[in-house]
């Protein structure tokens, strides 16, 4: 187990679903190794954690309580992704000095819209969006936490309010409750439409990422081949 000034966590047994082999990233370990080889240094490491239960809200709160670094990436284990997912997210996250960032993934059922939400300026209601800008980082008012990168300072700000980040507020899921707390704190959330993950066996992960010229798409598979 690697620990240091950075941290990665995942809801390891979300909804009782174990880690599953995929055609893209066969395990979270491969993504961690690729990330370590790409960005880590003697003072920058990755730490992996699993929630010991499957109840979504408490599981996510467990990861927050046990994080040991500057940021936390939560990934649901029913997702598939390329091994360079975290490297690509970090490039945007750190370069844009963002506090909360998600990637594109979709609901399982029709119409399979992205798990992203925007507030209607007329009535203040938060509703799922049908379309989003391509090849861009854009602001969202809420998102699913199945692929969510968050700075430690955000969780500390919520804790300072005397609350747990993913405790459910009345009438809201644990994910929407988290984003409601961000709104109260004035913290913006962002999505990068150039980075995608998918529920298992739904559709391939995108390979289109023209802005990350230093990462060739053959590299993740070379890393996988060395394991």
C-alpha atoms as a PDB file:
ATOM      1  CA  UNK A   1       0.000   0.000   0.000  1.00  0.00           C
ATOM      2  CA  UNK A   2       1.498   3.323  -1.087  1.00  0.00           C
ATOM      3  CA  UNK A   3       0.943   6.416   0.991  1.00  0.00           C
ATOM      4  CA  UNK A   4       2.245   9.940   0.649  1.00  0.00           C
ATOM      5  CA  UNK A   5       1.253  13.467  -0.285  1.00  0.00           C
ATOM      6  CA  UNK A   6      -1.355  12.334  -2.836  1.00  0.00           C
ATOM      7  CA  UNK A   7      -4.219   9.878  -2.480  1.00  0.00           C
ATOM      8  CA  UNK A   8      -6.567   7.804  -4.577  1.00  0.00           C
ATOM      9  CA  UNK A   9      -9.576   5.983  -3.176  1.00  0.00           C
ATOM     10  CA  UNK A  10     -12.342   3.887  -4.650  1.00  0.00           C
ATOM     11  CA  UNK A  11     -15.606   2.483  -3.369  1.00  0.00           C
ATOM     12  CA  UNK A  12     -14.188  -0.989  -3.623  1.00  0.00           C
ATOM     13  CA  UNK A  13     -17.339  -3.018  -3.063  1.00  0.00           C
ATOM     14  CA  UNK A  14     -19.990  -0.488  -4.072  1.00  0.00           C
ATOM     15  CA  UNK A  15     -23.369  -2.236  -4.124  1.00  0.00           C
ATOM     16  CA  UNK A  16     -21.620  -5.542  -3.488  1.00  0.00           C
ATOM     17  CA  UNK A  17     -19.968  -5.533  -6.933  1.00  0.00           C
ATOM     18  CA  UNK A  18     -16.345  -6.748  -6.835  1.00  0.00           C
ATOM     19  CA  UNK A  19     -13.611  -5.472  -9.135  1.00  0.00           C
ATOM     20  CA  UNK A  20     -14.205  -6.857 -12.627  1.00  0.00           C
ATOM     21  CA  UNK A  21     -11.779  -7.484 -15.492  1.00  0.00           C
ATOM     22  CA  UNK A  22     -12.355  -5.249 -18.526  1.00  0.00           C
ATOM     23  CA  UNK A  23     -10.869  -4.868 -21.982  1.00  0.00           C
ATOM     24  CA  UNK A  24      -9.371  -1.533 -21.051  1.00  0.00           C
ATOM     25  CA  UNK A  25      -8.077  -1.321 -17.518  1.00  0.00           C
ATOM     26  CA  UNK A  26      -8.047  -4.852 -16.092  1.00  0.00           C
ATOM     27  CA  UNK A  27      -7.745  -3.569 -12.543  1.00  0.00           C
ATOM     28  CA  UNK A  28      -7.420  -0.395 -10.508  1.00  0.00           C
ATOM     29  CA  UNK A  29      -3.884  -1.536  -9.720  1.00  0.00           C
ATOM     30  CA  UNK A  30      -2.888  -1.096 -13.373  1.00  0.00           C
ATOM     31  CA  UNK A  31      -4.214   2.454 -13.356  1.00  0.00           C
ATOM     32  CA  UNK A  32      -2.320   3.158 -10.151  1.00  0.00           C
ATOM     33  CA  UNK A  33       0.924   1.768 -11.573  1.00  0.00           C
ATOM     34  CA  UNK A  34       0.558   3.784 -14.760  1.00  0.00           C
ATOM     35  CA  UNK A  35      -0.092   6.916 -12.711  1.00  0.00           C
ATOM     36  CA  UNK A  36       2.842   6.235 -10.413  1.00  0.00           C
ATOM     37  CA  UNK A  37       5.193   5.765 -13.357  1.00  0.00           C
ATOM     38  CA  UNK A  38       3.859   8.888 -15.067  1.00  0.00           C
ATOM     39  CA  UNK A  39       3.530  11.509 -12.343  1.00  0.00           C
ATOM     40  CA  UNK A  40       4.743  10.257  -8.977  1.00  0.00           C
ATOM     41  CA  UNK A  41       8.000  11.280  -7.317  1.00  0.00           C
ATOM     42  CA  UNK A  42       9.759  10.586  -3.991  1.00  0.00           C
ATOM     43  CA  UNK A  43       7.276  12.950  -2.306  1.00  0.00           C
ATOM     44  CA  UNK A  44       4.170  12.152  -4.364  1.00  0.00           C
ATOM     45  CA  UNK A  45       2.515   8.758  -3.992  1.00  0.00           C
ATOM     46  CA  UNK A  46      -0.776   6.965  -4.470  1.00  0.00           C
ATOM     47  CA  UNK A  47      -2.789   5.315  -1.725  1.00  0.00           C
ATOM     48  CA  UNK A  48      -5.593   2.851  -2.474  1.00  0.00           C
ATOM     49  CA  UNK A  49      -8.517   2.326  -0.138  1.00  0.00           C
ATOM     50  CA  UNK A  50     -11.687   0.221  -0.254  1.00  0.00           C
ATOM     51  CA  UNK A  51     -14.876   0.947   1.587  1.00  0.00           C
ATOM     52  CA  UNK A  52     -15.703  -2.037   3.827  1.00  0.00           C
ATOM     53  CA  UNK A  53     -19.451  -1.819   3.078  1.00  0.00           C
ATOM     54  CA  UNK A  54     -21.692  -1.094   0.097  1.00  0.00           C
ATOM     55  CA  UNK A  55     -24.091   1.590   1.391  1.00  0.00           C
ATOM     56  CA  UNK A  56     -23.184   4.479  -0.913  1.00  0.00           C
ATOM     57  CA  UNK A  57     -23.271   7.420   1.506  1.00  0.00           C
ATOM     58  CA  UNK A  58     -21.380   5.794   4.400  1.00  0.00           C
ATOM     59  CA  UNK A  59     -18.964   4.170   1.929  1.00  0.00           C
ATOM     60  CA  UNK A  60     -18.000   7.517   0.438  1.00  0.00           C
ATOM     61  CA  UNK A  61     -17.745   9.095   3.892  1.00  0.00           C
ATOM     62  CA  UNK A  62     -15.395   6.252   4.870  1.00  0.00           C
ATOM     63  CA  UNK A  63     -13.081   7.128   1.976  1.00  0.00           C
ATOM     64  CA  UNK A  64     -13.095  10.798   2.933  1.00  0.00           C
ATOM     65  CA  UNK A  65     -12.337   9.990   6.571  1.00  0.00           C
ATOM     66  CA  UNK A  66      -9.437   7.720   5.612  1.00  0.00           C
ATOM     67  CA  UNK A  67      -7.806   9.747   2.836  1.00  0.00           C
ATOM     68  CA  UNK A  68      -4.136  10.497   3.452  1.00  0.00           C
ATOM     69  CA  UNK A  69      -3.263  12.945   0.683  1.00  0.00           C
ATOM     70  CA  UNK A  70      -4.078  16.178  -1.074  1.00  0.00           C
ATOM     71  CA  UNK A  71      -6.925  14.836  -3.200  1.00  0.00           C
ATOM     72  CA  UNK A  72      -9.268  11.881  -3.509  1.00  0.00           C
ATOM     73  CA  UNK A  73     -10.489  10.130  -6.657  1.00  0.00           C
ATOM     74  CA  UNK A  74     -13.608   8.028  -6.189  1.00  0.00           C
ATOM     75  CA  UNK A  75     -14.379   5.400  -8.820  1.00  0.00           C
ATOM     76  CA  UNK A  76     -17.293   2.978  -8.783  1.00  0.00           C
ATOM     77  CA  UNK A  77     -16.158  -0.566  -9.492  1.00  0.00           C
ATOM     78  CA  UNK A  78     -18.807  -1.112 -12.168  1.00  0.00           C
ATOM     79  CA  UNK A  79     -16.929   1.321 -14.435  1.00  0.00           C
ATOM     80  CA  UNK A  80     -14.311   0.626 -17.077  1.00  0.00           C
ATOM     81  CA  UNK A  81     -11.663   3.161 -18.040  1.00  0.00           C
ATOM     82  CA  UNK A  82      -8.258   3.488 -19.642  1.00  0.00           C
ATOM     83  CA  UNK A  83      -5.239   3.210 -17.334  1.00  0.00           C
ATOM     84  CA  UNK A  84      -4.298   6.846 -18.013  1.00  0.00           C
ATOM     85  CA  UNK A  85      -7.641   8.174 -16.697  1.00  0.00           C
ATOM     86  CA  UNK A  86      -6.160   9.604 -13.513  1.00  0.00           C
ATOM     87  CA  UNK A  87      -3.163  11.160 -15.287  1.00  0.00           C
ATOM     88  CA  UNK A  88      -5.484  12.941 -17.709  1.00  0.00           C
ATOM     89  CA  UNK A  89      -7.799  14.125 -14.941  1.00  0.00           C
ATOM     90  CA  UNK A  90      -4.879  15.417 -12.871  1.00  0.00           C
ATOM     91  CA  UNK A  91      -3.511  17.391 -15.837  1.00  0.00           C
ATOM     92  CA  UNK A  92      -6.786  19.314 -16.105  1.00  0.00           C
ATOM     93  CA  UNK A  93      -7.399  19.420 -12.354  1.00  0.00           C
ATOM     94  CA  UNK A  94      -4.045  20.891 -11.384  1.00  0.00           C
ATOM     95  CA  UNK A  95      -3.648  23.004 -14.528  1.00  0.00           C
ATOM     96  CA  UNK A  96      -7.015  24.667 -14.009  1.00  0.00           C
ATOM     97  CA  UNK A  97      -6.598  24.904 -10.224  1.00  0.00           C
ATOM     98  CA  UNK A  98      -9.967  23.191  -9.832  1.00  0.00           C
ATOM     99  CA  UNK A  99     -11.414  21.874  -6.567  1.00  0.00           C
ATOM    100  CA  UNK A 100     -13.970  19.340  -7.834  1.00  0.00           C
ATOM    101  CA  UNK A 101     -13.889  17.566 -11.192  1.00  0.00           C
ATOM    102  CA  UNK A 102     -15.760  14.727 -12.861  1.00  0.00           C
ATOM    103  CA  UNK A 103     -15.606  12.955 -16.216  1.00  0.00           C
ATOM    104  CA  UNK A 104     -18.298  11.796 -18.621  1.00  0.00           C
ATOM    105  CA  UNK A 105     -20.192   8.616 -17.846  1.00  0.00           C
ATOM    106  CA  UNK A 106     -23.820   7.767 -18.513  1.00  0.00           C
ATOM    107  CA  UNK A 107     -26.835   6.221 -16.881  1.00  0.00           C
ATOM    108  CA  UNK A 108     -27.293   2.533 -17.633  1.00  0.00           C
ATOM    109  CA  UNK A 109     -30.921   2.880 -18.751  1.00  0.00           C
ATOM    110  CA  UNK A 110     -32.390   4.863 -21.639  1.00  0.00           C
ATOM    111  CA  UNK A 111     -31.968   7.601 -22.599  1.00  0.00           C
ATOM    112  CA  UNK A 112     -28.437   6.928 -21.222  1.00  0.00           C
ATOM    113  CA  UNK A 113     -27.816  10.632 -20.649  1.00  0.00           C
ATOM    114  CA  UNK A 114     -24.653  11.779 -18.845  1.00  0.00           C
ATOM    115  CA  UNK A 115     -24.761  11.748 -15.046  1.00  0.00           C
ATOM    116  CA  UNK A 116     -24.510  15.545 -14.959  1.00  0.00           C
ATOM    117  CA  UNK A 117     -26.914  18.173 -13.706  1.00  0.00           C
ATOM    118  CA  UNK A 118     -27.522  21.886 -14.150  1.00  0.00           C
ATOM    119  CA  UNK A 119     -29.727  24.281 -12.200  1.00  0.00           C
ATOM    120  CA  UNK A 120     -32.673  25.763 -14.043  1.00  0.00           C
ATOM    121  CA  UNK A 121     -32.349  29.547 -13.555  1.00  0.00           C
ATOM    122  CA  UNK A 122     -36.140  29.961 -13.671  1.00  0.00           C
ATOM    123  CA  UNK A 123     -37.169  27.651 -10.833  1.00  0.00           C
ATOM    124  CA  UNK A 124     -33.834  26.731  -9.217  1.00  0.00           C
ATOM    125  CA  UNK A 125     -34.435  23.024  -9.782  1.00  0.00           C
ATOM    126  CA  UNK A 126     -31.424  20.836 -10.589  1.00  0.00           C
ATOM    127  CA  UNK A 127     -32.110  18.643 -13.609  1.00  0.00           C
ATOM    128  CA  UNK A 128     -30.115  16.177 -15.691  1.00  0.00           C
ATOM    129  CA  UNK A 129     -28.625  17.679 -18.841  1.00  0.00           C
ATOM    130  CA  UNK A 130     -29.142  16.118 -22.268  1.00  0.00           C
ATOM    131  CA  UNK A 131     -26.199  17.679 -24.091  1.00  0.00           C
ATOM    132  CA  UNK A 132     -22.816  19.098 -23.165  1.00  0.00           C
ATOM    133  CA  UNK A 133     -19.958  20.905 -24.937  1.00  0.00           C
ATOM    134  CA  UNK A 134     -17.381  18.697 -26.610  1.00  0.00           C
ATOM    135  CA  UNK A 135     -13.636  18.897 -25.954  1.00  0.00           C
ATOM    136  CA  UNK A 136     -14.071  21.307 -23.082  1.00  0.00           C
ATOM    137  CA  UNK A 137     -14.092  21.773 -19.334  1.00  0.00           C
ATOM    138  CA  UNK A 138     -17.472  23.139 -18.283  1.00  0.00           C
ATOM    139  CA  UNK A 139     -19.228  23.971 -15.031  1.00  0.00           C
ATOM    140  CA  UNK A 140     -21.856  21.619 -13.596  1.00  0.00           C
ATOM    141  CA  UNK A 141     -24.147  22.084 -10.622  1.00  0.00           C
ATOM    142  CA  UNK A 142     -24.159  18.401  -9.660  1.00  0.00           C
ATOM    143  CA  UNK A 143     -22.898  15.045 -10.923  1.00  0.00           C
ATOM    144  CA  UNK A 144     -22.678  11.430  -9.960  1.00  0.00           C
ATOM    145  CA  UNK A 145     -19.756  10.539  -7.706  1.00  0.00           C
ATOM    146  CA  UNK A 146     -18.865   7.426  -9.693  1.00  0.00           C
ATOM    147  CA  UNK A 147     -15.832   9.248 -11.108  1.00  0.00           C
ATOM    148  CA  UNK A 148     -15.067  12.247  -8.931  1.00  0.00           C
ATOM    149  CA  UNK A 149     -11.789  13.998  -8.101  1.00  0.00           C
ATOM    150  CA  UNK A 150     -11.882  16.305  -5.045  1.00  0.00           C
ATOM    151  CA  UNK A 151      -9.313  18.302  -3.104  1.00  0.00           C
ATOM    152  CA  UNK A 152      -8.871  17.639   0.602  1.00  0.00           C
ATOM    153  CA  UNK A 153      -9.649  21.305   1.337  1.00  0.00           C
ATOM    154  CA  UNK A 154     -13.213  20.782   0.054  1.00  0.00           C
ATOM    155  CA  UNK A 155     -13.881  17.995   2.542  1.00  0.00           C
ATOM    156  CA  UNK A 156     -12.271  20.063   5.289  1.00  0.00           C
ATOM    157  CA  UNK A 157     -14.602  22.978   4.499  1.00  0.00           C
ATOM    158  CA  UNK A 158     -17.643  20.700   4.757  1.00  0.00           C
ATOM    159  CA  UNK A 159     -16.341  19.252   8.015  1.00  0.00           C
ATOM    160  CA  UNK A 160     -15.945  22.794   9.355  1.00  0.00           C
ATOM    161  CA  UNK A 161     -19.716  23.200   8.838  1.00  0.00           C
ATOM    162  CA  UNK A 162     -20.193  20.251  11.197  1.00  0.00           C
ATOM    163  CA  UNK A 163     -21.351  17.890   8.445  1.00  0.00           C
ATOM    164  CA  UNK A 164     -20.179  14.750   6.682  1.00  0.00           C
ATOM    165  CA  UNK A 165     -19.662  15.185   2.945  1.00  0.00           C
ATOM    166  CA  UNK A 166     -22.001  12.416   1.760  1.00  0.00           C
ATOM    167  CA  UNK A 167     -24.641  12.263   4.486  1.00  0.00           C
ATOM    168  CA  UNK A 168     -28.032  12.342   2.769  1.00  0.00           C
ATOM    169  CA  UNK A 169     -30.029  15.543   3.044  1.00  0.00           C
ATOM    170  CA  UNK A 170     -33.852  15.202   3.069  1.00  0.00           C
ATOM    171  CA  UNK A 171     -35.102  14.126  -0.341  1.00  0.00           C
ATOM    172  CA  UNK A 172     -31.635  13.923  -1.889  1.00  0.00           C
ATOM    173  CA  UNK A 173     -29.195  11.150  -2.764  1.00  0.00           C
ATOM    174  CA  UNK A 174     -25.744  11.130  -1.172  1.00  0.00           C
ATOM    175  CA  UNK A 175     -24.208  12.533  -4.389  1.00  0.00           C
ATOM    176  CA  UNK A 176     -26.680  15.408  -4.711  1.00  0.00           C
ATOM    177  CA  UNK A 177     -26.303  16.116  -0.999  1.00  0.00           C
ATOM    178  CA  UNK A 178     -22.560  16.551  -1.498  1.00  0.00           C
ATOM    179  CA  UNK A 179     -23.079  19.028  -4.331  1.00  0.00           C
ATOM    180  CA  UNK A 180     -25.715  20.914  -2.323  1.00  0.00           C
ATOM    181  CA  UNK A 181     -23.063  21.426   0.362  1.00  0.00           C
ATOM    182  CA  UNK A 182     -20.621  22.674  -2.281  1.00  0.00           C
ATOM    183  CA  UNK A 183     -23.204  25.201  -3.436  1.00  0.00           C
ATOM    184  CA  UNK A 184     -23.601  26.431   0.129  1.00  0.00           C
ATOM    185  CA  UNK A 185     -19.827  26.903   0.342  1.00  0.00           C
ATOM    186  CA  UNK A 186     -19.580  28.606  -3.046  1.00  0.00           C
ATOM    187  CA  UNK A 187     -17.323  25.863  -4.468  1.00  0.00           C
ATOM    188  CA  UNK A 188     -17.608  25.281  -8.215  1.00  0.00           C
ATOM    189  CA  UNK A 189     -17.642  21.853  -9.838  1.00  0.00           C
ATOM    190  CA  UNK A 190     -16.414  21.003 -13.311  1.00  0.00           C
ATOM    191  CA  UNK A 191     -16.598  18.247 -15.922  1.00  0.00           C
ATOM    192  CA  UNK A 192     -14.118  17.529 -18.716  1.00  0.00           C
ATOM    193  CA  UNK A 193     -15.948  16.106 -21.730  1.00  0.00           C
ATOM    194  CA  UNK A 194     -12.635  14.839 -23.166  1.00  0.00           C
ATOM    195  CA  UNK A 195     -12.357  12.209 -20.428  1.00  0.00           C
ATOM    196  CA  UNK A 196     -14.824   9.332 -20.243  1.00  0.00           C
ATOM    197  CA  UNK A 197     -15.503   6.125 -18.410  1.00  0.00           C
ATOM    198  CA  UNK A 198     -18.372   3.715 -18.900  1.00  0.00           C
ATOM    199  CA  UNK A 199     -20.375   1.121 -17.074  1.00  0.00           C
ATOM    200  CA  UNK A 200     -19.044  -2.332 -17.813  1.00  0.00           C
ATOM    201  CA  UNK A 201     -19.948  -3.902 -21.143  1.00  0.00           C
ATOM    202  CA  UNK A 202     -21.830  -0.820 -22.401  1.00  0.00           C
ATOM    203  CA  UNK A 203     -19.516   0.812 -24.940  1.00  0.00           C
ATOM    204  CA  UNK A 204     -15.780   1.398 -25.476  1.00  0.00           C
ATOM    205  CA  UNK A 205     -13.866   4.035 -23.569  1.00  0.00           C
ATOM    206  CA  UNK A 206     -12.967   7.033 -25.714  1.00  0.00           C
ATOM    207  CA  UNK A 207      -9.363   7.312 -26.886  1.00  0.00           C
ATOM    208  CA  UNK A 208      -9.728  10.859 -28.216  1.00  0.00           C
ATOM    209  CA  UNK A 209      -7.675  13.245 -26.142  1.00  0.00           C
ATOM    210  CA  UNK A 210      -5.725  15.544 -28.402  1.00  0.00           C
ATOM    211  CA  UNK A 211      -4.643  17.882 -25.605  1.00  0.00           C
ATOM    212  CA  UNK A 212      -2.523  15.308 -23.772  1.00  0.00           C
ATOM    213  CA  UNK A 213       0.194  15.034 -26.388  1.00  0.00           C
ATOM    214  CA  UNK A 214       2.749  13.609 -23.959  1.00  0.00           C
ATOM    215  CA  UNK A 215       0.710  10.424 -23.454  1.00  0.00           C
ATOM    216  CA  UNK A 216       0.511   8.082 -26.418  1.00  0.00           C
ATOM    217  CA  UNK A 217      -2.378   5.657 -26.301  1.00  0.00           C
ATOM    218  CA  UNK A 218       0.012   2.729 -26.737  1.00  0.00           C
ATOM    219  CA  UNK A 219       1.678   3.530 -23.426  1.00  0.00           C
ATOM    220  CA  UNK A 220      -1.090   2.286 -21.116  1.00  0.00           C
ATOM    221  CA  UNK A 221      -1.095  -1.064 -22.848  1.00  0.00           C
ATOM    222  CA  UNK A 222       2.706  -1.242 -22.704  1.00  0.00           C
ATOM    223  CA  UNK A 223       2.432  -0.737 -18.972  1.00  0.00           C
ATOM    224  CA  UNK A 224      -0.187  -3.472 -18.802  1.00  0.00           C
ATOM    225  CA  UNK A 225       2.135  -5.747 -20.744  1.00  0.00           C
ATOM    226  CA  UNK A 226       4.907  -5.252 -18.198  1.00  0.00           C
ATOM    227  CA  UNK A 227       2.764  -6.276 -15.237  1.00  0.00           C
END
